[in-house]
Amino acid sequence: MRLLFNALVFFLSFSIFSQDPEVGDFHQGGVVFYVDSLGKGLILDTTYLEATYDWVANQPMLSNWAAPFSFHPGAVEEFIGAGQFNTNNLALYGSDYAANICYNNSSGGYTDWFLPSHDELWQMMMNVELIDSTISIHGGEYFDVGPHWSSTQALNPSYANIAYPYSTNLAGDPMGPFQSIKSKNTGALVRAVRCIDNDCAFVGSPTFGCNDPIAENYDPTVGVNDNSCVYIMGCTDPNSCNYDSSATMDDFTCDYSCIGCTDSMALNYLNETVTIEDGSCLYCTDEYQIITIDYDTLIDNSVFFSIDSLGVTFEEVIGGPFNQGFCIPDGCYTLTMLASCNITDTWYGNTFTIGDFSYTLETPFASVEFYLGDYDCNGDCVSVGEPCDDEDTNTLDDVIQEDCECVGTSQVIVDELEALSVLIYPNPVSNQLVIDLGDLTGITSTIKLYGSSGRLLFEKQSNSTIKIDVSSYAKGLYILELSTSDKVLRSQVIVE
């Protein structure tokens, strides 16, 4: 009989202490004010929190929600179970605002307090009398009649949702709680809450996770995106050079340098790195020129331009820069420019570049002459006296003449150095190559050594015997050239 009694006591004790807490119970550091069908619930802190203390009035001060005109996309959820999510996001901004005060609260030895969401705050207000009854037994602060912050901001980014525990009608009769919104930078009361066992996944509430279909960890059952989505970063533009078909989010690294003319016979073909044809290949018998116009980004302007005698008529360049190739024969042209903008002292103008010609527009309208090719607009050669190459190896000092022709001074060619008793030895050579000028001793001569590909490897002026160190040269055939003011002597040299 005693054994049966002891078993009954154990059963009753186990049943009493293992049952789920109910609304109004004092549990885990506060008062339970909400419980779902599975026994998960919300607990209210027994005291108010504040950012500062008014020592003059000897009372706690109301706390602001956040800075005015600031929108917080991570604090818009209203449902029961969203308060902790909202608060964690708001705490990232760091301050003495309402959510941060709750986030840093350690009342009752717990550190998982948060500012209640819109719906959680309303559940709290619906049970004010029961909560105050429990506080009268276990201690704490009764509900104040003032506005209480929630962690849910309103549609207007300058406001957040609040609730009052008590209200009155126009006649002054007491009524129940009501909800409203309040400017974020004005004061309201702060009361922290937490979830029983820190489990905020309530029955019927949306789940948190990644709900973006393009993310790697997409979960179609998720109701609220918690910013945990994982993406494959890369270039997502199939028209780019480095398109990544596996990428789910563009990382702004798309490269378009391989797009252009792929025909090596076209005038505007760049090189083999251009692999995607864009239809821009240009074929013409005239000179190919690039016309560029730099756009003034400091002001909102557009520019029109035309080039007479060409198929380039007035075009409008907006937002530039303009960059286009044209087949333009050499000659003299007139460039007409018209800027459509409000020119001020800070205007930098639009710079036109066509071949070697460049002009910056300094007024709303201008018309200037320019030339392309060897002759200016007066018919005069523009490069008289400049060095050139007439591709004749029997001439020296090639320069541009007044008729724009390249002309040099004829010279005597002697194929064998021995003709003037010039000696080179040893040949073949492996270390030091000696050049004895012979009859040219005392006459300043230029000695050059070329590789088999025509590349100049050595050059020096001398009027006496010189030596060339060829020990580091590759084995093979080389050309030694010795020149004076009127003679050029050449001979083959073998390096072994």
Protein backbone atom coordinates (compact mmCIF):
# COMPACT_ATOMS: atom_id res chain seq x y z
CA MET A 1 0.00 0.00 0.00
CA ARG A 2 2.92 2.38 0.87
CA LEU A 3 4.62 1.50 -2.45
CA LEU A 4 1.45 2.41 -4.38
CA PHE A 5 1.22 5.73 -2.52
CA ASN A 6 4.82 6.63 -3.32
CA ALA A 7 4.25 5.84 -7.01
CA LEU A 8 1.16 8.05 -7.06
CA VAL A 9 3.09 10.94 -5.48
CA PHE A 10 5.86 10.58 -8.08
CA PHE A 11 3.34 10.53 -10.93
CA LEU A 12 1.57 13.64 -9.65
CA SER A 13 4.88 15.44 -9.06
CA PHE A 14 6.15 14.57 -12.52
CA SER A 15 2.88 15.66 -14.12
CA ILE A 16 2.84 19.01 -12.31
CA PHE A 17 6.46 19.96 -12.99
CA SER A 18 6.61 18.68 -16.59
CA GLN A 19 3.51 20.47 -17.86
CA ASP A 20 3.95 23.39 -20.30
CA PRO A 21 3.81 26.90 -18.82
CA GLU A 22 0.60 28.82 -19.28
CA VAL A 23 -0.20 32.50 -19.80
CA GLY A 24 0.26 34.31 -16.50
CA ASP A 25 2.93 31.91 -15.17
CA PHE A 26 6.22 33.28 -13.88
CA HIS A 27 8.76 31.32 -15.93
CA GLN A 28 12.40 31.69 -17.05
CA GLY A 29 12.93 35.24 -15.79
CA GLY A 30 9.56 36.80 -16.61
CA VAL A 31 5.81 36.48 -17.13
CA VAL A 32 4.44 34.20 -19.86
CA PHE A 33 1.96 36.15 -22.03
CA TYR A 34 1.57 33.87 -25.08
CA VAL A 35 1.59 30.08 -25.62
CA ASP A 36 0.87 28.20 -28.84
CA SER A 37 -0.67 24.73 -29.24
CA LEU A 38 2.72 23.02 -28.81
CA GLY A 39 3.59 24.84 -25.60
CA LYS A 40 6.03 27.29 -27.16
CA GLY A 41 5.61 30.74 -25.72
CA LEU A 42 6.71 34.32 -25.10
CA ILE A 43 7.95 35.75 -21.81
CA LEU A 44 7.80 39.42 -20.74
CA ASP A 45 10.55 41.06 -18.68
CA THR A 46 9.23 42.29 -15.34
CA THR A 47 10.75 45.78 -15.67
CA TYR A 48 11.02 48.55 -18.23
CA LEU A 49 14.29 49.32 -20.01
CA GLU A 50 15.65 52.73 -20.91
CA ALA A 51 18.68 54.12 -22.68
CA THR A 52 19.37 56.89 -20.15
CA TYR A 53 18.12 58.10 -16.79
CA ASP A 54 16.79 61.59 -16.07
CA TRP A 55 18.57 62.38 -12.80
CA VAL A 56 16.93 65.81 -12.56
CA ALA A 57 13.41 64.41 -12.64
CA ASN A 58 14.59 61.20 -10.99
CA GLN A 59 12.79 58.98 -13.49
CA PRO A 60 13.60 56.82 -16.50
CA MET A 61 13.51 58.52 -19.88
CA LEU A 62 11.66 57.30 -22.94
CA SER A 63 13.79 55.74 -25.70
CA ASN A 64 13.82 56.47 -29.41
CA TRP A 65 13.28 53.70 -31.98
CA ALA A 66 15.91 54.83 -34.53
CA ALA A 67 17.17 57.81 -36.45
CA PRO A 68 14.48 59.65 -38.47
CA PHE A 69 13.98 59.01 -42.18
CA SER A 70 15.93 55.74 -42.02
CA PHE A 71 14.42 52.59 -43.51
CA HIS A 72 15.48 49.24 -42.07
CA PRO A 73 14.53 46.41 -44.46
CA GLY A 74 15.34 43.75 -41.86
CA ALA A 75 12.71 45.00 -39.41
CA VAL A 76 9.41 44.85 -41.28
CA GLU A 77 7.98 41.51 -40.11
CA GLU A 78 4.87 41.64 -37.91
CA PHE A 79 3.98 38.03 -37.05
CA ILE A 80 4.46 36.20 -33.74
CA GLY A 81 7.98 34.82 -33.87
CA ALA A 82 9.46 37.76 -35.81
CA GLY A 83 10.55 39.97 -32.91
CA GLN A 84 13.89 38.27 -32.41
CA PHE A 85 14.62 38.43 -36.16
CA ASN A 86 13.76 42.14 -36.34
CA THR A 87 15.81 42.95 -33.24
CA ASN A 88 18.90 41.07 -34.40
CA ASN A 89 18.86 43.04 -37.64
CA LEU A 90 18.34 46.37 -35.88
CA ALA A 91 21.14 45.62 -33.42
CA LEU A 92 23.61 45.64 -36.32
CA TYR A 93 23.32 49.43 -36.46
CA GLY A 94 24.59 49.78 -32.89
CA SER A 95 23.16 52.55 -30.69
CA ASP A 96 21.05 53.22 -27.62
CA TYR A 97 17.84 52.76 -29.57
CA ALA A 98 14.97 50.57 -28.34
CA ALA A 99 15.94 47.30 -30.07
CA ASN A 100 19.57 47.58 -28.97
CA ILE A 101 18.55 48.12 -25.36
CA CYS A 102 16.61 44.85 -25.44
CA TYR A 103 19.37 43.06 -27.34
CA ASN A 104 21.89 43.95 -24.61
CA ASN A 105 19.54 43.15 -21.72
CA SER A 106 20.53 40.36 -19.31
CA SER A 107 17.57 40.43 -16.95
CA GLY A 108 17.00 37.23 -14.95
CA GLY A 109 20.33 35.86 -16.17
CA TYR A 110 19.09 35.50 -19.76
CA THR A 111 20.73 37.20 -22.75
CA ASP A 112 18.23 36.38 -25.51
CA TRP A 113 15.82 39.29 -24.91
CA PHE A 114 14.42 41.23 -27.85
CA LEU A 115 11.94 43.97 -28.75
CA PRO A 116 8.55 42.38 -29.55
CA SER A 117 7.17 42.44 -33.08
CA HIS A 118 3.87 44.14 -33.96
CA ASP A 119 1.76 41.01 -33.26
CA GLU A 120 3.79 39.98 -30.21
CA LEU A 121 3.31 43.42 -28.67
CA TRP A 122 -0.44 43.18 -29.29
CA GLN A 123 -0.60 39.79 -27.49
CA MET A 124 1.19 41.44 -24.59
CA MET A 125 -1.35 44.28 -24.46
CA MET A 126 -4.26 41.82 -24.58
CA ASN A 127 -2.98 40.23 -21.34
CA VAL A 128 -1.98 43.33 -19.39
CA GLU A 129 -4.19 42.62 -16.37
CA LEU A 130 -3.04 39.02 -16.03
CA ILE A 131 0.62 40.09 -16.37
CA ASP A 132 0.22 42.79 -13.71
CA SER A 133 -1.41 40.24 -11.42
CA THR A 134 1.63 37.97 -11.67
CA ILE A 135 4.01 40.91 -11.16
CA SER A 136 2.14 41.81 -7.94
CA ILE A 137 3.23 38.41 -6.62
CA HIS A 138 6.76 38.05 -8.00
CA GLY A 139 7.74 41.72 -8.17
CA GLY A 140 8.44 44.10 -11.02
CA GLU A 141 6.89 47.15 -12.70
CA TYR A 142 3.20 47.38 -13.57
CA PHE A 143 2.21 48.45 -17.07
CA ASP A 144 2.51 52.15 -17.84
CA VAL A 145 -0.30 53.82 -19.78
CA GLY A 146 2.12 55.28 -22.35
CA PRO A 147 3.04 54.05 -25.84
CA HIS A 148 5.20 50.92 -26.14
CA TRP A 149 7.61 50.26 -29.01
CA SER A 150 7.43 47.21 -31.25
CA SER A 151 10.37 46.09 -33.43
CA THR A 152 8.26 46.43 -36.59
CA GLN A 153 8.65 49.63 -38.57
CA ALA A 154 5.70 51.15 -40.35
CA LEU A 155 5.23 51.55 -44.09
CA ASN A 156 6.35 55.14 -43.72
CA PRO A 157 10.12 54.83 -43.09
CA SER A 158 10.01 57.59 -40.48
CA TYR A 159 7.61 55.67 -38.21
CA ALA A 160 7.44 52.42 -36.26
CA ASN A 161 4.48 50.49 -34.82
CA ILE A 162 3.44 51.03 -31.19
CA ALA A 163 0.64 49.91 -28.85
CA TYR A 164 -1.03 51.35 -25.74
CA PRO A 165 -2.22 49.06 -22.91
CA TYR A 166 -5.13 51.36 -22.00
CA SER A 167 -7.29 53.92 -23.78
CA THR A 168 -10.40 56.00 -23.15
CA ASN A 169 -13.26 57.13 -25.34
CA LEU A 170 -14.36 60.72 -25.85
CA ALA A 171 -16.41 60.56 -22.68
CA GLY A 172 -13.36 59.50 -20.69
CA ASP A 173 -14.56 55.96 -20.14
CA PRO A 174 -11.78 53.34 -19.95
CA MET A 175 -11.34 51.10 -22.97
CA GLY A 176 -8.98 48.31 -23.99
CA PRO A 177 -5.58 48.55 -25.68
CA PHE A 178 -5.11 50.05 -29.13
CA GLN A 179 -2.38 50.22 -31.82
CA SER A 180 -0.83 53.13 -33.69
CA ILE A 181 2.44 54.35 -35.21
CA LYS A 182 4.98 56.84 -33.87
CA SER A 183 7.90 58.83 -35.25
CA LYS A 184 11.12 56.86 -34.75
CA ASN A 185 13.01 59.75 -33.19
CA THR A 186 10.44 60.35 -30.45
CA GLY A 187 10.30 58.59 -27.11
CA ALA A 188 8.26 55.53 -26.14
CA LEU A 189 8.45 52.79 -23.51
CA VAL A 190 10.59 49.69 -23.98
CA ARG A 191 9.69 46.28 -22.60
CA ALA A 192 11.84 43.30 -23.57
CA VAL A 193 10.53 39.80 -24.29
CA ARG A 194 12.10 36.42 -24.99
CA CYS A 195 10.99 33.01 -26.24
CA ILE A 196 10.62 30.04 -23.88
CA ASP A 197 13.82 27.98 -24.21
CA ASN A 198 14.88 30.53 -26.87
CA ASP A 199 12.65 28.70 -29.38
CA CYS A 200 10.80 31.27 -31.51
CA ALA A 201 9.46 28.89 -34.18
CA PHE A 202 5.77 29.13 -33.34
CA VAL A 203 2.89 27.12 -34.77
CA GLY A 204 1.42 28.79 -37.83
CA SER A 205 4.20 31.39 -38.14
CA PRO A 206 6.34 31.67 -41.29
CA THR A 207 9.72 29.98 -41.26
CA PHE A 208 13.01 31.81 -41.83
CA GLY A 209 15.56 30.86 -44.45
CA CYS A 210 16.42 31.50 -48.09
CA ASN A 211 13.43 31.98 -50.39
CA ASP A 212 15.29 33.27 -53.46
CA PRO A 213 14.86 30.75 -56.30
CA ILE A 214 18.24 31.59 -57.84
CA ALA A 215 20.18 30.89 -54.64
CA GLU A 216 22.05 27.65 -54.03
CA ASN A 217 20.25 27.03 -50.73
CA TYR A 218 16.76 27.97 -51.93
CA ASP A 219 13.98 26.48 -49.78
CA PRO A 220 10.47 26.75 -51.31
CA THR A 221 8.90 26.23 -47.87
CA VAL A 222 10.51 29.35 -46.38
CA GLY A 223 8.22 32.30 -45.69
CA VAL A 224 10.74 35.02 -44.72
CA ASN A 225 14.17 35.60 -46.22
CA ASP A 226 16.74 35.82 -43.43
CA ASN A 227 19.59 36.92 -45.71
CA SER A 228 21.23 33.50 -45.55
CA CYS A 229 21.02 32.92 -49.31
CA VAL A 230 24.18 31.65 -50.97
CA TYR A 231 24.89 32.55 -54.59
CA ILE A 232 27.38 31.53 -57.24
CA MET A 233 28.99 34.81 -58.22
CA GLY A 234 30.11 35.48 -61.77
CA CYS A 235 29.22 37.11 -65.06
CA THR A 236 25.61 36.30 -65.98
CA ASP A 237 25.50 38.09 -69.35
CA PRO A 238 25.53 35.47 -72.14
CA ASN A 239 26.71 38.15 -74.57
CA SER A 240 29.94 38.77 -72.64
CA CYS A 241 33.38 37.23 -73.10
CA ASN A 242 33.48 35.61 -69.66
CA TYR A 243 29.87 34.42 -69.34
CA ASP A 244 29.52 31.84 -66.56
CA SER A 245 26.51 29.62 -67.12
CA SER A 246 26.72 28.33 -63.54
CA ALA A 247 26.62 31.81 -61.96
CA THR A 248 23.38 32.79 -60.24
CA MET A 249 24.27 36.37 -59.30
CA ASP A 250 26.17 38.91 -61.40
CA ASP A 251 29.37 40.19 -59.79
CA PHE A 252 29.84 43.04 -62.29
CA THR A 253 32.99 41.48 -63.79
CA CYS A 254 31.57 40.91 -67.28
CA ASP A 255 34.24 41.50 -69.92
CA TYR A 256 33.34 42.71 -73.40
CA SER A 257 36.85 43.20 -74.78
CA CYS A 258 36.56 40.14 -77.03
CA ILE A 259 33.57 41.60 -78.89
CA GLY A 260 34.19 43.35 -82.19
CA CYS A 261 35.26 42.61 -85.74
CA THR A 262 36.62 39.07 -86.11
CA ASP A 263 37.64 39.36 -89.78
CA SER A 264 41.41 39.84 -90.04
CA MET A 265 40.90 41.38 -93.49
CA ALA A 266 38.77 44.22 -92.11
CA LEU A 267 40.25 47.63 -91.36
CA ASN A 268 39.04 47.65 -87.78
CA TYR A 269 40.18 44.13 -86.90
CA LEU A 270 42.09 44.26 -83.64
CA ASN A 271 43.68 40.86 -82.99
CA GLU A 272 42.92 37.25 -82.28
CA THR A 273 41.55 38.12 -78.82
CA VAL A 274 38.37 39.36 -80.54
CA THR A 275 36.25 36.22 -80.77
CA ILE A 276 32.65 37.47 -80.81
CA GLU A 277 31.50 39.18 -84.01
CA ASP A 278 29.34 42.27 -83.52
CA GLY A 279 28.86 43.17 -87.19
CA SER A 280 31.19 46.17 -87.03
CA CYS A 281 33.74 45.01 -89.63
CA LEU A 282 34.67 47.88 -91.91
CA TYR A 283 36.03 47.56 -95.44
CA CYS A 284 37.08 50.56 -97.53
CA THR A 285 39.86 51.80 -99.82
CA ASP A 286 40.27 55.06 -97.90
CA GLU A 287 42.05 55.66 -94.60
CA TYR A 288 40.29 54.24 -91.55
CA GLN A 289 39.80 56.80 -88.79
CA ILE A 290 38.27 56.60 -85.32
CA ILE A 291 36.07 59.54 -84.34
CA THR A 292 35.77 59.96 -80.55
CA ILE A 293 33.88 62.55 -78.54
CA ASP A 294 34.44 62.81 -74.79
CA TYR A 295 31.28 63.78 -72.93
CA ASP A 296 31.24 66.39 -70.15
CA THR A 297 29.93 64.41 -67.18
CA LEU A 298 29.78 67.41 -64.85
CA ILE A 299 26.63 68.76 -66.48
CA ASP A 300 23.75 67.33 -68.45
CA ASN A 301 24.60 68.11 -72.03
CA SER A 302 24.39 66.64 -75.51
CA VAL A 303 26.27 67.60 -78.65
CA PHE A 304 25.49 67.53 -82.37
CA PHE A 305 28.21 67.39 -85.03
CA SER A 306 28.72 67.02 -88.76
CA ILE A 307 31.67 66.65 -91.15
CA ASP A 308 31.17 68.12 -94.60
CA SER A 309 31.79 66.02 -97.75
CA LEU A 310 31.25 62.83 -95.71
CA GLY A 311 28.33 60.61 -94.88
CA VAL A 312 28.68 61.78 -91.27
CA THR A 313 25.77 64.14 -90.80
CA PHE A 314 24.49 65.73 -87.61
CA GLU A 315 24.36 63.18 -84.83
CA GLU A 316 23.41 63.65 -81.23
CA VAL A 317 25.81 62.36 -78.59
CA ILE A 318 24.17 62.03 -75.19
CA GLY A 319 25.92 60.55 -72.21
CA GLY A 320 29.02 59.66 -74.31
CA PRO A 321 31.69 58.92 -74.99
CA PHE A 322 31.08 58.59 -78.75
CA ASN A 323 33.49 56.17 -80.44
CA GLN A 324 32.98 55.07 -84.03
CA GLY A 325 35.10 54.16 -87.04
CA PHE A 326 34.73 55.72 -90.50
CA CYS A 327 36.40 55.38 -93.88
CA ILE A 328 37.69 58.92 -94.51
CA PRO A 329 40.01 59.71 -97.45
CA ASP A 330 42.90 62.10 -96.81
CA GLY A 331 41.92 65.71 -97.34
CA CYS A 332 40.65 68.92 -95.77
CA TYR A 333 37.30 69.01 -93.94
CA THR A 334 35.08 71.26 -91.87
CA LEU A 335 33.83 70.03 -88.48
CA THR A 336 30.64 71.71 -87.22
CA MET A 337 29.68 71.28 -83.56
CA LEU A 338 26.65 72.37 -81.54
CA ALA A 339 26.35 71.76 -77.80
CA SER A 340 22.87 71.55 -76.28
CA CYS A 341 23.49 72.51 -72.68
CA ASN A 342 23.57 75.29 -70.14
CA ILE A 343 27.22 76.30 -70.41
CA THR A 344 28.67 77.67 -67.19
CA ASP A 345 32.14 78.47 -65.89
CA THR A 346 32.51 74.85 -64.79
CA TRP A 347 31.79 73.41 -68.24
CA TYR A 348 34.71 71.38 -69.58
CA GLY A 349 33.32 71.10 -73.10
CA ASN A 350 33.28 68.16 -75.47
CA THR A 351 36.60 67.04 -76.99
CA PHE A 352 36.52 65.78 -80.58
CA THR A 353 39.34 63.54 -81.81
CA ILE A 354 39.65 62.49 -85.46
CA GLY A 355 42.97 60.88 -86.37
CA ASP A 356 45.72 63.29 -85.28
CA PHE A 357 43.24 66.19 -85.03
CA SER A 358 41.77 67.19 -81.67
CA TYR A 359 39.47 70.07 -80.71
CA THR A 360 37.66 70.98 -77.47
CA LEU A 361 34.41 72.87 -77.82
CA GLU A 362 34.59 76.02 -75.65
CA THR A 363 31.37 77.69 -76.83
CA PRO A 364 27.93 76.32 -77.64
CA PHE A 365 28.73 76.44 -81.39
CA ALA A 366 31.92 76.18 -83.44
CA SER A 367 33.04 75.34 -86.96
CA VAL A 368 36.72 74.48 -87.59
CA GLU A 369 38.81 73.17 -90.47
CA PHE A 370 40.98 70.09 -90.07
CA TYR A 371 42.99 67.90 -92.40
CA LEU A 372 43.81 64.21 -92.59
CA GLY A 373 46.91 62.87 -94.31
CA ASP A 374 50.16 64.49 -95.44
CA TYR A 375 48.83 67.85 -96.68
CA ASP A 376 47.25 70.67 -94.69
CA CYS A 377 44.25 72.68 -95.85
CA ASN A 378 46.62 75.02 -97.79
CA GLY A 379 48.02 72.10 -99.79
CA ASP A 380 51.39 72.20 -98.02
CA CYS A 381 53.15 69.06 -96.81
CA VAL A 382 52.95 68.99 -93.02
CA SER A 383 55.97 66.77 -92.30
CA VAL A 384 58.80 68.35 -94.33
CA GLY A 385 62.20 67.43 -92.88
CA GLU A 386 60.95 64.59 -90.69
CA PRO A 387 63.00 61.35 -90.79
CA CYS A 388 61.51 58.56 -92.88
CA ASP A 389 62.46 55.32 -94.62
CA ASP A 390 62.38 55.13 -98.39
CA GLU A 391 62.97 51.37 -98.10
CA ASP A 392 66.12 51.73 -100.21
CA THR A 393 69.15 50.25 -98.45
CA ASN A 394 71.45 52.21 -100.74
CA THR A 395 70.45 55.60 -99.26
CA LEU A 396 71.21 57.41 -96.03
CA ASP A 397 69.53 60.24 -94.07
CA ASP A 398 66.04 59.69 -95.54
CA VAL A 399 63.75 62.70 -94.89
CA ILE A 400 60.37 64.02 -96.12
CA GLN A 401 60.65 66.53 -98.98
CA GLU A 402 58.27 69.45 -99.76
CA ASP A 403 56.26 67.20 -102.07
CA CYS A 404 55.84 64.76 -99.14
CA GLU A 405 58.10 62.22 -100.86
CA CYS A 406 60.69 60.33 -98.81
CA VAL A 407 64.17 60.86 -100.29
CA GLY A 408 67.64 59.82 -99.08
CA THR A 409 71.29 60.33 -100.10
CA SER A 410 72.76 57.58 -102.29
CA GLN A 411 75.71 55.62 -100.91
CA VAL A 412 78.30 53.17 -102.27
CA ILE A 413 77.73 49.53 -101.34
CA VAL A 414 80.73 47.22 -101.03
CA ASP A 415 79.72 43.65 -100.30
CA GLU A 416 83.07 42.37 -99.07
CA LEU A 417 84.96 44.03 -96.25
CA GLU A 418 88.21 42.76 -97.68
CA ALA A 419 87.83 45.27 -100.53
CA LEU A 420 89.23 47.93 -98.22
CA SER A 421 91.51 45.57 -96.28
CA VAL A 422 89.03 45.52 -93.39
CA LEU A 423 89.62 42.34 -91.39
CA ILE A 424 87.28 40.41 -89.08
CA TYR A 425 88.51 37.41 -87.08
CA PRO A 426 88.15 34.75 -85.97
CA ASN A 427 85.27 33.65 -88.16
CA PRO A 428 83.63 31.36 -87.04
CA VAL A 429 83.86 32.94 -83.58
CA SER A 430 82.80 31.82 -80.11
CA ASN A 431 84.07 34.56 -77.76
CA GLN A 432 85.66 37.82 -79.02
CA LEU A 433 85.07 39.06 -82.57
CA VAL A 434 87.80 41.46 -83.70
CA ILE A 435 87.17 44.14 -86.36
CA ASP A 436 90.34 45.70 -87.80
CA LEU A 437 89.37 48.78 -89.82
CA GLY A 438 92.41 48.58 -92.06
CA ASP A 439 92.25 51.41 -94.66
CA LEU A 440 89.38 52.99 -92.65
CA THR A 441 91.51 53.48 -89.54
CA GLY A 442 91.17 57.08 -88.42
CA ILE A 443 87.81 57.45 -90.16
CA THR A 444 84.74 57.40 -87.86
CA SER A 445 82.76 54.32 -88.77
CA THR A 446 79.55 52.82 -87.39
CA ILE A 447 79.73 49.09 -86.64
CA LYS A 448 76.45 47.17 -86.36
CA LEU A 449 75.77 43.46 -85.82
CA TYR A 450 72.39 42.00 -86.88
CA GLY A 451 70.77 38.65 -86.11
CA SER A 452 69.42 36.39 -88.85
CA SER A 453 65.95 37.93 -88.36
CA GLY A 454 67.31 41.45 -89.01
CA ARG A 455 67.23 42.48 -85.35
CA LEU A 456 70.00 44.93 -84.36
CA LEU A 457 72.11 43.36 -81.58
CA PHE A 458 75.15 45.63 -81.39
CA GLU A 459 76.01 49.19 -82.50
CA LYS A 460 79.07 51.33 -81.84
CA GLN A 461 81.09 54.11 -83.53
CA SER A 462 84.86 53.79 -83.74
CA ASN A 463 87.89 54.90 -85.79
CA SER A 464 90.15 52.03 -84.75
CA THR A 465 90.10 48.31 -84.10
CA ILE A 466 87.25 47.13 -81.78
CA LYS A 467 86.16 43.85 -80.20
CA ILE A 468 82.62 42.47 -79.81
CA ASP A 469 81.86 39.89 -77.10
CA VAL A 470 79.60 37.26 -78.70
CA SER A 471 79.95 34.58 -76.01
CA SER A 472 76.32 35.03 -74.95
CA TYR A 473 74.92 34.96 -78.50
CA ALA A 474 73.10 31.94 -79.87
CA LYS A 475 74.87 29.86 -82.45
CA GLY A 476 74.05 30.84 -86.00
CA LEU A 477 74.57 33.27 -88.86
CA TYR A 478 74.93 37.04 -88.22
CA ILE A 479 75.47 40.09 -90.47
CA LEU A 480 78.23 42.58 -89.66
CA GLU A 481 77.71 46.06 -91.16
CA LEU A 482 80.34 48.80 -91.21
CA SER A 483 79.32 52.21 -92.56
CA THR A 484 80.99 55.56 -93.14
CA SER A 485 79.55 58.77 -94.58
CA ASP A 486 79.67 57.34 -98.10
CA LYS A 487 80.18 53.60 -97.82
CA VAL A 488 78.44 50.57 -96.37
CA LEU A 489 80.41 47.33 -95.96
CA ARG A 490 78.72 44.05 -95.03
CA SER A 491 79.92 40.53 -94.23
CA GLN A 492 78.58 37.32 -92.72
CA VAL A 493 79.75 36.15 -89.29
CA ILE A 494 79.20 32.67 -87.87
CA VAL A 495 78.88 32.25 -84.09
CA GLU A 496 79.59 28.70 -82.87
